[in-house]
Structures are given as C-alpha cells and as structure tokens.
Amino acid sequence: MDTHELIGASEDQVEAAATTLVRHSSELTVDQLVGQIEKVQDAMRRAMKDGEHYGVIPGTNKPTLLKPGAEKLCLLFRLSPTYQVTRREKEEEGHVEYEICCTLSHIESGKVIASGVGLCSTLENKYRWRKGAHACPHCAESAIIKGKEEFGGGWLCWKKKGGCGAKFPDGAFDLADLKSVENPDLADTYNTVLKMAKKRAMVDATLTATAASDIFTQDMEDMSHQSATTPLPSNAPFVGTTMEPEGGGSDDQHRDDAVAYWETAKNMKADRKYAMQVLQSAGGDFSAAMIQLKKGSS
C-alpha cells in the first residue's frame, strides 16, 4: 500500500500495512543470509585456530565448535550471554545434575537472539566411575600404581595414596584387568559438571544464533581440545602418552588410566595412529577407549 492508497484507508488497513512493513524490514534478504554464512566462514579462516576454537573428529565431515570458538562468534556478532541454572539432586546418593539455559542477546539493542540448553550430570561415566586399584600384598592398601619408565618402570605401592612404598616388577599386576569403581570424591566434580553444562548451553545457543550448524557440530563439544586434533607423534612411546580430559578425576587416576590404555594398545600391537583415533572418538575417556580398542581387535 503506497502513500496515495493510505489516504482515506481505514485504521485496520493502516495497521495491517504498518505491520507488514515492520516484518519485512526485520527480515534478512537472501544476500544478507549468504553474507552471514560467509562471515562465519571468514572468521573461521582468519581468527580461529584448529584445535583451539574448533576441532575435527576423525570420521566426521565437519568441525566441532569448542567453547573458545563460540566466544569468538559471540564477540563477532555482538552477543552477550545470560544463564539460568537449575540444579537437581539425583536419587543416587551424592549425584547432582545441572541444566542451564543460555540466552544470547544483542549487546547494542538488547534484543534476544537465541537460546540454548545444556545438561550435565555426575552420573555420566567420566564423572561417576574411576579405575580401581590393586591391593598391595604387603600392606593390603589399594595403592598400587604403574611406575614411570624413566624410573625403571614396574609397579609401586605409592605412599601418597597410603601405601607402604614397596616396589614390584613388570608383570606383577595388570591395570587392564581392573574394574571401575564408584568415584569416592564425587563432590570434587560438581564444579566441573556445572561448567560443562554451561559450556554445552553456550555452544548450543551460539550455533542457533549464528545459524552455523551447517558449518559446525556440537556432537563432541565436551571433548578435550587436544583430543580433537593433536596427532600422536610417530616416535612417541605407548607408555606415558596421555591426553588431558575436560574434567573429573585426579592427575594420578588419569595417569593410571593412560598407562593402562597405552600398555594394552602396545600388547595388542595396535597401530599408534589407530589407537589415537580410538581415544579421540571416545572423547579422551581412556576407559571407554579401552573397551572400543578391545572390541576392534575381536
């Protein structure tokens, strides 16, 4: 409806024309839509680094958006996050679950652009379970750990875990035979679980706000940045090669799991690159990777 048609038009007709004008003025043109996609792709090439802001998982056809990458896109599109946190106590004693809603608003206008939801629970395998430990035949404490190769290898009843300090030769114990046990320090994972839920919510909201789901995926957003892209050097030994997990578990536990995994891979005569790919596909979770590795060989 042009100016001449508005003259003499009814109030309803004028209101309808104004509503149509506002709606069309807020819509993107196809050129603008293409421009936004190109903007994300250009930012990915020029301002984002593989392994830091996003990572390519072996076997997938598009990169995974990581939290630093989501923060870069929010800065690019001038988006500010706010969070609503819901905490739930689970029926299992000591377990908690966090559900977080992340809302992204345009900084200048204050207009809400998109929202995303993230959920994380201590019932997830990497927080709930820990690898058990062998009991020392001398002091009966479950404090046996694998000795470092540079100190002669073997096994050690570690005093820092309440052990007696006794040493044992290679072959005395087998970490691969240990069963997982409930995490005795569950409260130590609460903050990690909260941050993980927050990260999942932010990445979800960012992908929605920037319409970048066709460029990135969120399927493995909570994987280790290193596990996303870092290959195992060709001259790296199996024993002692580790990948740092996103959260949960002590350094000692992580080291024990790493040693068990790489020793198993070595004993199975698995190719190093294949073993690393299995670990990457498990998100850096050595226990899950161990199961996959054994299944792959059967």
Protein backbone atom coordinates (compact mmCIF):
# COMPACT_ATOMS: atom_id res chain seq x y z
CA MET A 1 0.00 0.00 0.00
CA ASP A 2 1.58 3.30 -1.15
CA THR A 3 1.04 6.83 0.18
CA HIS A 4 -1.93 7.54 -2.08
CA GLU A 5 -3.64 4.30 -1.01
CA LEU A 6 -3.16 5.15 2.67
CA ILE A 7 -5.14 8.36 2.23
CA GLY A 8 -8.70 7.52 3.13
CA ALA A 9 -7.84 3.97 4.28
CA SER A 10 -9.42 2.59 7.44
CA GLU A 11 -7.49 2.28 10.72
CA ASP A 12 -7.36 -1.52 10.30
CA GLN A 13 -5.87 -1.18 6.82
CA VAL A 14 -3.23 1.27 8.05
CA GLU A 15 -2.31 -1.01 10.96
CA ALA A 16 -2.02 -4.02 8.66
CA ALA A 17 0.21 -2.09 6.27
CA ALA A 18 2.44 -0.93 9.14
CA THR A 19 2.75 -4.50 10.49
CA THR A 20 3.76 -5.78 7.06
CA LEU A 21 6.35 -3.02 6.72
CA VAL A 22 7.91 -3.79 10.12
CA ARG A 23 8.00 -7.51 9.41
CA HIS A 24 9.73 -7.10 6.07
CA SER A 25 12.16 -4.51 7.42
CA SER A 26 13.37 -7.00 10.06
CA GLU A 27 13.81 -9.90 7.66
CA LEU A 28 17.12 -10.77 6.04
CA THR A 29 17.48 -10.76 2.31
CA VAL A 30 19.00 -13.81 0.65
CA ASP A 31 22.16 -11.79 0.03
CA GLN A 32 22.34 -10.91 3.72
CA LEU A 33 21.86 -14.57 4.67
CA VAL A 34 24.68 -15.61 2.34
CA GLY A 35 26.78 -12.77 3.76
CA GLN A 36 26.29 -14.03 7.32
CA ILE A 37 27.38 -17.53 6.35
CA GLU A 38 30.45 -16.13 4.59
CA LYS A 39 31.17 -14.01 7.67
CA VAL A 40 31.31 -17.09 9.89
CA GLN A 41 33.47 -18.94 7.38
CA ASP A 42 35.82 -15.97 7.05
CA ALA A 43 36.13 -15.71 10.85
CA MET A 44 36.92 -19.42 10.96
CA ARG A 45 39.73 -18.97 8.44
CA ARG A 46 41.22 -15.73 9.77
CA ALA A 47 40.55 -15.59 13.52
CA MET A 48 40.04 -19.17 14.68
CA LYS A 49 42.57 -21.96 15.10
CA ASP A 50 42.07 -25.65 14.51
CA GLY A 51 42.44 -27.41 17.86
CA GLU A 52 41.72 -24.29 19.91
CA HIS A 53 38.43 -22.86 18.65
CA TYR A 54 37.19 -25.92 16.80
CA GLY A 55 38.38 -29.45 16.17
CA VAL A 56 37.83 -32.09 13.53
CA ILE A 57 36.92 -35.51 14.91
CA PRO A 58 38.26 -38.43 12.85
CA GLY A 59 35.42 -39.96 10.88
CA THR A 60 33.24 -36.81 10.86
CA ASN A 61 32.69 -34.45 7.95
CA LYS A 62 32.54 -31.11 9.74
CA PRO A 63 34.37 -29.49 12.65
CA THR A 64 33.16 -29.36 16.24
CA LEU A 65 32.68 -25.92 17.75
CA LEU A 66 34.54 -25.56 21.06
CA LYS A 67 33.84 -23.00 23.78
CA PRO A 68 36.63 -20.57 22.73
CA GLY A 69 35.20 -20.64 19.20
CA ALA A 70 31.71 -19.93 20.48
CA GLU A 71 33.08 -16.96 22.44
CA LYS A 72 34.73 -15.64 19.26
CA LEU A 73 31.45 -15.84 17.33
CA CYS A 74 29.58 -14.09 20.15
CA LEU A 75 32.15 -11.30 20.04
CA LEU A 76 31.87 -11.09 16.26
CA PHE A 77 28.08 -10.80 16.26
CA ARG A 78 27.99 -8.69 19.45
CA LEU A 79 26.08 -11.22 21.52
CA SER A 80 26.00 -11.27 25.31
CA PRO A 81 25.11 -14.47 27.24
CA THR A 82 22.97 -14.76 30.36
CA TYR A 83 22.38 -18.04 32.19
CA GLN A 84 19.59 -19.66 34.15
CA VAL A 85 20.83 -22.56 36.29
CA THR A 86 18.72 -25.43 37.59
CA ARG A 87 20.32 -27.92 39.99
CA ARG A 88 18.71 -31.28 40.72
CA GLU A 89 19.66 -33.82 43.35
CA LYS A 90 19.58 -37.32 41.87
CA GLU A 91 18.20 -40.40 43.61
CA GLU A 92 21.67 -41.92 43.70
CA GLU A 93 23.44 -40.62 46.81
CA GLY A 94 25.71 -37.66 46.17
CA HIS A 95 24.88 -37.29 42.48
CA VAL A 96 23.71 -33.99 41.02
CA GLU A 97 22.54 -32.74 37.64
CA TYR A 98 22.77 -29.22 36.23
CA GLU A 99 20.52 -27.91 33.49
CA ILE A 100 21.47 -24.50 32.15
CA CYS A 101 19.66 -22.27 29.69
CA CYS A 102 21.89 -19.77 27.90
CA THR A 103 20.18 -16.75 26.35
CA LEU A 104 22.09 -14.65 23.83
CA SER A 105 21.08 -11.01 23.43
CA HIS A 106 22.36 -8.37 21.03
CA ILE A 107 24.59 -6.01 23.03
CA GLU A 108 23.53 -2.76 21.36
CA SER A 109 19.79 -3.36 21.03
CA GLY A 110 19.21 -5.76 23.91
CA LYS A 111 17.09 -7.94 21.63
CA VAL A 112 17.04 -11.65 22.45
CA ILE A 113 18.55 -13.53 19.50
CA ALA A 114 18.58 -17.19 20.57
CA SER A 115 18.78 -19.58 23.49
CA GLY A 116 20.38 -22.95 24.09
CA VAL A 117 20.18 -25.67 26.72
CA GLY A 118 22.99 -27.68 28.29
CA LEU A 119 22.72 -30.60 30.68
CA CYS A 120 25.45 -32.37 32.63
CA SER A 121 25.28 -34.92 35.44
CA THR A 122 27.72 -36.63 37.75
CA LEU A 123 26.07 -39.86 36.56
CA GLU A 124 27.94 -39.52 33.27
CA ASN A 125 30.61 -42.19 33.03
CA LYS A 126 33.64 -39.92 33.17
CA TYR A 127 32.49 -38.38 36.47
CA ARG A 128 30.81 -41.36 38.11
CA TRP A 129 33.45 -44.04 37.62
CA ARG A 130 37.10 -44.36 38.48
CA LYS A 131 39.51 -47.17 37.76
CA GLY A 132 40.00 -49.42 40.78
CA ALA A 133 43.42 -50.15 42.22
CA HIS A 134 45.28 -53.35 43.04
CA ALA A 135 45.82 -54.12 46.72
CA CYS A 136 49.41 -54.32 47.88
CA PRO A 137 50.33 -57.86 49.02
CA HIS A 138 52.46 -56.34 51.80
CA CYS A 139 50.28 -53.65 53.39
CA ALA A 140 46.88 -54.52 51.83
CA GLU A 141 46.31 -50.89 50.78
CA SER A 142 44.79 -50.27 47.34
CA ALA A 143 47.67 -48.02 46.38
CA ILE A 144 49.42 -49.83 43.52
CA ILE A 145 50.35 -47.60 40.58
CA LYS A 146 52.42 -48.11 37.45
CA GLY A 147 55.98 -46.86 37.81
CA LYS A 148 57.34 -44.36 35.32
CA GLU A 149 59.58 -45.79 32.63
CA GLU A 150 62.30 -43.24 33.37
CA PHE A 151 62.50 -44.62 36.92
CA GLY A 152 62.69 -48.24 35.88
CA GLY A 153 59.00 -48.99 35.28
CA GLY A 154 57.48 -51.81 37.28
CA TRP A 155 54.87 -51.16 39.96
CA LEU A 156 54.83 -49.11 43.14
CA CYS A 157 52.73 -49.11 46.30
CA TRP A 158 52.53 -45.34 46.44
CA LYS A 159 52.94 -43.73 49.87
CA LYS A 160 50.90 -40.67 48.83
CA LYS A 161 47.91 -42.98 48.43
CA GLY A 162 48.50 -44.57 51.82
CA GLY A 163 50.81 -47.32 50.56
CA CYS A 164 53.98 -48.73 52.04
CA GLY A 165 56.38 -47.85 49.21
CA ALA A 166 57.03 -51.45 48.11
CA LYS A 167 58.16 -51.96 44.51
CA PHE A 168 57.22 -54.77 42.16
CA PRO A 169 58.49 -55.86 38.73
CA ASP A 170 56.62 -55.60 35.42
CA GLY A 171 54.05 -58.36 35.11
CA ALA A 172 53.19 -58.41 38.80
CA PHE A 173 49.90 -56.58 38.13
CA ASP A 174 47.74 -55.80 35.12
CA LEU A 175 45.85 -52.50 35.01
CA ALA A 176 43.69 -53.72 32.14
CA ASP A 177 42.05 -56.24 34.47
CA LEU A 178 40.91 -53.65 36.98
CA LYS A 179 37.19 -52.94 37.24
CA SER A 180 35.72 -49.47 37.51
CA VAL A 181 34.52 -48.34 40.94
CA GLU A 182 32.25 -45.52 42.11
CA ASN A 183 34.07 -42.20 42.38
CA PRO A 184 34.79 -41.70 46.10
CA ASP A 185 35.39 -37.96 45.62
CA LEU A 186 32.18 -37.11 43.78
CA ALA A 187 31.89 -33.62 45.27
CA ASP A 188 35.17 -32.70 43.57
CA THR A 189 33.39 -32.98 40.20
CA TYR A 190 30.44 -30.67 40.99
CA ASN A 191 32.10 -27.51 39.69
CA THR A 192 33.35 -29.31 36.59
CA VAL A 193 29.87 -30.65 35.86
CA LEU A 194 28.39 -27.16 36.30
CA LYS A 195 30.92 -25.63 33.91
CA MET A 196 30.35 -28.42 31.39
CA ALA A 197 26.59 -27.78 31.38
CA LYS A 198 27.25 -24.07 30.95
CA LYS A 199 29.60 -24.71 28.04
CA ARG A 200 27.13 -27.02 26.32
CA ALA A 201 24.37 -24.42 26.68
CA MET A 202 26.53 -21.62 25.28
CA VAL A 203 27.70 -23.62 22.27
CA ASP A 204 24.12 -24.68 21.56
CA ALA A 205 22.89 -21.08 21.73
CA THR A 206 25.75 -19.81 19.57
CA LEU A 207 25.12 -22.35 16.83
CA THR A 208 21.44 -21.34 16.81
CA ALA A 209 22.07 -17.58 16.92
CA THR A 210 24.61 -17.60 14.09
CA ALA A 211 22.87 -20.31 12.03
CA ALA A 212 26.21 -22.11 11.93
CA SER A 213 25.03 -25.67 12.49
CA ASP A 214 25.77 -26.46 8.86
CA ILE A 215 29.37 -25.36 9.42
CA PHE A 216 29.96 -26.74 12.92
CA THR A 217 28.59 -29.53 15.03
CA GLN A 218 28.22 -29.82 18.80
CA ASP A 219 28.28 -33.62 18.98
CA MET A 220 31.64 -33.70 20.76
CA GLU A 221 31.83 -30.21 22.24
CA ASP A 222 32.89 -31.50 25.63
CA MET A 223 35.91 -33.37 24.35
CA SER A 224 39.44 -32.33 25.16
CA HIS A 225 40.83 -29.67 22.83
CA GLN A 226 43.90 -31.80 22.40
CA SER A 227 41.89 -34.92 21.68
CA ALA A 228 40.20 -33.11 18.82
CA THR A 229 43.18 -32.60 16.60
CA THR A 230 46.54 -33.46 18.14
CA PRO A 231 48.07 -36.50 16.42
CA LEU A 232 50.35 -38.90 18.23
CA PRO A 233 53.96 -38.28 17.16
CA SER A 234 55.38 -41.19 15.18
CA ASN A 235 58.24 -41.61 17.64
CA ALA A 236 56.10 -41.33 20.79
CA PRO A 237 56.14 -44.33 23.13
CA PHE A 238 52.89 -46.02 24.07
CA VAL A 239 53.51 -45.85 27.80
CA GLY A 240 53.25 -42.37 29.27
CA THR A 241 51.44 -40.79 26.31
CA THR A 242 48.38 -39.08 27.76
CA MET A 243 45.60 -36.73 26.80
CA GLU A 244 44.21 -34.29 29.31
CA PRO A 245 40.48 -34.76 30.00
CA GLU A 246 37.99 -31.88 30.32
CA GLY A 247 37.27 -32.60 33.95
CA GLY A 248 36.88 -35.09 36.73
CA GLY A 249 39.46 -37.36 38.24
CA SER A 250 42.83 -36.72 39.78
CA ASP A 251 46.10 -36.47 37.88
CA ASP A 252 47.13 -39.81 39.41
CA GLN A 253 43.97 -41.52 38.23
CA HIS A 254 44.28 -40.00 34.78
CA ARG A 255 47.88 -41.15 34.56
CA ASP A 256 47.00 -44.71 35.62
CA ASP A 257 44.23 -44.88 33.02
CA ALA A 258 46.58 -43.55 30.35
CA VAL A 259 49.29 -46.08 31.18
CA ALA A 260 46.75 -48.92 31.12
CA TYR A 261 45.40 -47.86 27.75
CA TRP A 262 48.74 -47.46 26.00
CA GLU A 263 50.13 -50.65 27.51
CA THR A 264 47.09 -52.53 26.23
CA ALA A 265 47.50 -50.95 22.79
CA LYS A 266 51.16 -51.96 22.78
CA ASN A 267 50.41 -55.53 23.86
CA MET A 268 47.77 -55.80 21.15
CA LYS A 269 50.33 -54.47 18.66
CA ALA A 270 47.83 -51.83 17.62
CA ASP A 271 48.92 -49.12 15.21
CA ARG A 272 49.63 -45.90 17.12
CA LYS A 273 47.52 -43.73 14.81
CA TYR A 274 44.60 -46.12 15.12
CA ALA A 275 44.93 -46.18 18.92
CA MET A 276 44.88 -42.38 18.97
CA GLN A 277 41.80 -42.28 16.74
CA VAL A 278 40.02 -44.67 19.10
CA LEU A 279 40.92 -42.44 22.03
CA GLN A 280 39.73 -39.35 20.15
CA SER A 281 36.42 -40.97 19.28
CA ALA A 282 35.94 -41.72 23.00
CA GLY A 283 36.44 -38.04 23.83
CA GLY A 284 39.67 -38.68 25.72
CA ASP A 285 37.99 -41.18 28.08
CA PHE A 286 40.59 -43.93 28.48
CA SER A 287 38.15 -46.45 29.99
CA ALA A 288 35.71 -46.09 27.08
CA ALA A 289 38.59 -46.16 24.59
CA MET A 290 39.90 -49.38 26.15
CA ILE A 291 36.58 -51.09 25.50
CA GLN A 292 36.47 -49.85 21.91
CA LEU A 293 40.06 -50.92 21.30
CA LYS A 294 39.39 -54.46 22.54
CA LYS A 295 36.18 -54.70 20.53
CA GLY A 296 38.01 -53.59 17.40
CA SER A 297 40.51 -56.40 17.75
CA SER A 298 37.98 -59.14 18.32
